[in-house]
């Protein structure tokens, strides 16, 4: 379970950073809409994915056995 949480965190983090980067680049380019979505919505989705990554890492840390 710990390995699964770590992989979920990695994938969600990469996706989150990528979506945030696309949203920032689109907004700096002057676009308000991208692919049928508002750029602010894409930024919010990227932040949510990044939050999922953080929570997955915290859950993986909480499951580690204490030594």
N, C-alpha and C. Protein backbone atom coordinates (compact mmCIF):
# COMPACT_ATOMS: atom_id res chain seq x y z
N UNK A 1 0.82 -1.19 0.00
CA UNK A 1 0.00 0.00 0.00
C UNK A 1 0.86 1.26 0.00
N UNK A 2 1.96 1.19 0.72
CA UNK A 2 2.84 2.35 0.79
C UNK A 2 3.44 2.66 -0.58
N UNK A 3 3.84 1.63 -1.31
CA UNK A 3 4.40 1.85 -2.64
C UNK A 3 3.35 2.44 -3.59
N UNK A 4 2.11 1.99 -3.46
CA UNK A 4 1.04 2.52 -4.30
C UNK A 4 0.80 3.99 -4.00
N UNK A 5 0.80 4.37 -2.75
CA UNK A 5 0.61 5.77 -2.38
C UNK A 5 1.74 6.65 -2.90
N UNK A 6 2.95 6.13 -2.85
CA UNK A 6 4.08 6.90 -3.36
C UNK A 6 3.97 7.09 -4.87
N UNK A 7 3.56 6.05 -5.59
CA UNK A 7 3.40 6.18 -7.04
C UNK A 7 2.24 7.10 -7.39
N UNK A 8 1.15 7.04 -6.64
CA UNK A 8 0.04 7.97 -6.86
C UNK A 8 0.52 9.40 -6.64
N UNK A 9 1.32 9.61 -5.61
CA UNK A 9 1.87 10.93 -5.35
C UNK A 9 2.77 11.42 -6.46
N UNK A 10 3.60 10.55 -6.98
CA UNK A 10 4.50 10.95 -8.06
C UNK A 10 3.73 11.31 -9.32
N UNK A 11 2.80 10.46 -9.71
CA UNK A 11 2.03 10.70 -10.93
C UNK A 11 1.17 11.95 -10.81
N UNK A 12 0.48 12.08 -9.68
CA UNK A 12 -0.37 13.25 -9.47
C UNK A 12 0.46 14.53 -9.43
N UNK A 13 1.64 14.47 -8.84
CA UNK A 13 2.51 15.64 -8.80
C UNK A 13 2.98 16.06 -10.17
N UNK A 14 3.37 15.10 -10.99
CA UNK A 14 3.82 15.42 -12.34
C UNK A 14 2.68 16.00 -13.17
N UNK A 15 1.50 15.38 -13.07
CA UNK A 15 0.35 15.89 -13.81
C UNK A 15 -0.03 17.28 -13.32
N UNK A 16 -0.01 17.48 -12.01
CA UNK A 16 -0.36 18.78 -11.45
C UNK A 16 0.58 19.88 -11.91
N UNK A 17 1.86 19.62 -11.86
CA UNK A 17 2.83 20.63 -12.29
C UNK A 17 2.68 20.91 -13.78
N UNK A 18 2.42 19.87 -14.57
CA UNK A 18 2.25 20.07 -16.01
C UNK A 18 1.01 20.91 -16.32
N UNK A 19 -0.09 20.62 -15.64
CA UNK A 19 -1.33 21.38 -15.88
C UNK A 19 -1.17 22.82 -15.42
N UNK A 20 -0.51 23.02 -14.30
CA UNK A 20 -0.25 24.38 -13.83
C UNK A 20 0.62 25.14 -14.82
N UNK A 21 1.63 24.47 -15.33
CA UNK A 21 2.51 25.11 -16.33
C UNK A 21 1.76 25.49 -17.59
N UNK A 22 0.89 24.62 -18.07
CA UNK A 22 0.09 24.92 -19.26
C UNK A 22 -0.84 26.09 -18.99
N UNK A 23 -1.47 26.10 -17.82
CA UNK A 23 -2.39 27.20 -17.48
C UNK A 23 -1.65 28.53 -17.39
N UNK A 24 -0.48 28.53 -16.80
CA UNK A 24 0.29 29.76 -16.68
C UNK A 24 0.75 30.24 -18.05
N UNK A 25 1.23 29.31 -18.88
CA UNK A 25 1.70 29.69 -20.21
C UNK A 25 0.54 30.22 -21.06
N UNK A 26 -0.62 29.60 -20.96
CA UNK A 26 -1.77 30.07 -21.74
C UNK A 26 -2.20 31.46 -21.28
N UNK A 27 -2.22 31.67 -19.98
CA UNK A 27 -2.65 32.98 -19.47
C UNK A 27 -1.65 34.06 -19.82
N UNK A 28 -0.36 33.74 -19.76
CA UNK A 28 0.65 34.73 -20.16
C UNK A 28 0.58 35.01 -21.65
N UNK A 29 0.08 34.04 -22.41
CA UNK A 29 -0.10 34.23 -23.84
C UNK A 29 -1.36 35.01 -24.19
N UNK A 30 -2.18 35.32 -23.20
CA UNK A 30 -3.35 36.14 -23.42
C UNK A 30 -4.63 35.36 -23.60
N UNK A 31 -4.60 34.05 -23.42
CA UNK A 31 -5.79 33.23 -23.60
C UNK A 31 -6.57 33.13 -22.30
N UNK A 32 -7.88 33.23 -22.41
CA UNK A 32 -8.75 33.01 -21.26
C UNK A 32 -9.36 31.62 -21.29
N UNK A 33 -9.42 31.03 -22.48
CA UNK A 33 -10.00 29.70 -22.67
C UNK A 33 -8.98 28.80 -23.34
N UNK A 34 -8.95 27.55 -22.95
CA UNK A 34 -8.03 26.58 -23.54
C UNK A 34 -8.71 25.22 -23.54
N UNK A 35 -8.99 24.70 -24.73
CA UNK A 35 -9.62 23.39 -24.84
C UNK A 35 -11.02 23.33 -24.25
N UNK A 36 -11.75 24.43 -24.31
CA UNK A 36 -13.10 24.45 -23.78
C UNK A 36 -13.18 24.74 -22.29
N UNK A 37 -12.06 24.92 -21.64
CA UNK A 37 -12.03 25.21 -20.21
C UNK A 37 -11.43 26.58 -19.98
N UNK A 38 -11.90 27.27 -18.95
CA UNK A 38 -11.26 28.51 -18.57
C UNK A 38 -9.88 28.20 -18.00
N UNK A 39 -8.95 29.09 -18.22
CA UNK A 39 -7.58 28.87 -17.75
C UNK A 39 -7.54 28.79 -16.23
N UNK A 40 -8.39 29.54 -15.56
CA UNK A 40 -8.45 29.47 -14.10
C UNK A 40 -8.90 28.10 -13.61
N UNK A 41 -9.79 27.46 -14.36
CA UNK A 41 -10.23 26.11 -14.01
C UNK A 41 -9.08 25.12 -14.17
N UNK A 42 -8.29 25.28 -15.22
CA UNK A 42 -7.12 24.41 -15.40
C UNK A 42 -6.11 24.61 -14.28
N UNK A 43 -5.92 25.85 -13.88
CA UNK A 43 -5.01 26.12 -12.76
C UNK A 43 -5.51 25.46 -11.48
N UNK A 44 -6.81 25.54 -11.25
CA UNK A 44 -7.40 24.92 -10.06
C UNK A 44 -7.26 23.40 -10.12
N UNK A 45 -7.43 22.81 -11.29
CA UNK A 45 -7.26 21.36 -11.44
C UNK A 45 -5.81 20.96 -11.17
N UNK A 46 -4.86 21.75 -11.63
CA UNK A 46 -3.46 21.47 -11.34
C UNK A 46 -3.14 21.57 -9.87
N UNK A 47 -3.73 22.55 -9.21
CA UNK A 47 -3.51 22.67 -7.77
C UNK A 47 -4.13 21.51 -7.01
N UNK A 48 -5.28 21.03 -7.48
CA UNK A 48 -5.92 19.87 -6.84
C UNK A 48 -5.07 18.62 -7.01
N UNK A 49 -4.48 18.44 -8.18
CA UNK A 49 -3.61 17.28 -8.41
C UNK A 49 -2.36 17.37 -7.53
N UNK A 50 -1.83 18.56 -7.37
CA UNK A 50 -0.67 18.74 -6.51
C UNK A 50 -1.04 18.45 -5.05
N UNK A 51 -2.24 18.85 -4.63
CA UNK A 51 -2.70 18.54 -3.28
C UNK A 51 -2.85 17.04 -3.09
N UNK A 52 -3.37 16.34 -4.09
CA UNK A 52 -3.48 14.89 -4.02
C UNK A 52 -2.11 14.25 -3.86
N UNK A 53 -1.12 14.79 -4.57
CA UNK A 53 0.25 14.27 -4.44
C UNK A 53 0.77 14.45 -3.02
N UNK A 54 0.55 15.63 -2.46
CA UNK A 54 1.01 15.89 -1.09
C UNK A 54 0.33 14.98 -0.08
N UNK A 55 -0.97 14.81 -0.22
CA UNK A 55 -1.70 13.95 0.70
C UNK A 55 -1.29 12.49 0.56
N UNK A 56 -0.97 12.06 -0.65
CA UNK A 56 -0.50 10.68 -0.85
C UNK A 56 0.84 10.46 -0.16
N UNK A 57 1.72 11.43 -0.27
CA UNK A 57 3.01 11.30 0.41
C UNK A 57 2.84 11.29 1.92
N UNK A 58 1.95 12.12 2.44
CA UNK A 58 1.72 12.15 3.88
C UNK A 58 1.14 10.82 4.36
N UNK A 59 0.21 10.26 3.57
CA UNK A 59 -0.37 8.97 3.94
C UNK A 59 0.69 7.87 3.90
N UNK A 60 1.60 7.93 2.94
CA UNK A 60 2.67 6.94 2.86
C UNK A 60 3.61 7.08 4.06
N UNK A 61 3.87 8.30 4.48
CA UNK A 61 4.72 8.51 5.65
C UNK A 61 4.03 8.01 6.92
N UNK A 62 2.73 8.19 7.00
CA UNK A 62 1.99 7.76 8.19
C UNK A 62 1.93 6.24 8.30
N UNK A 63 2.02 5.54 7.18
CA UNK A 63 1.96 4.08 7.20
C UNK A 63 3.30 3.42 7.50
N UNK A 64 4.38 4.19 7.45
CA UNK A 64 5.70 3.59 7.72
C UNK A 64 5.76 3.06 9.12
N UNK A 65 6.37 1.90 9.27
CA UNK A 65 6.53 1.37 10.65
C UNK A 65 7.56 2.22 11.41
N UNK A 66 7.30 2.41 12.67
CA UNK A 66 8.24 3.18 13.49
C UNK A 66 9.39 2.30 13.91
N UNK A 67 10.57 2.88 13.88
CA UNK A 67 11.74 2.09 14.27
C UNK A 67 12.36 2.59 15.55
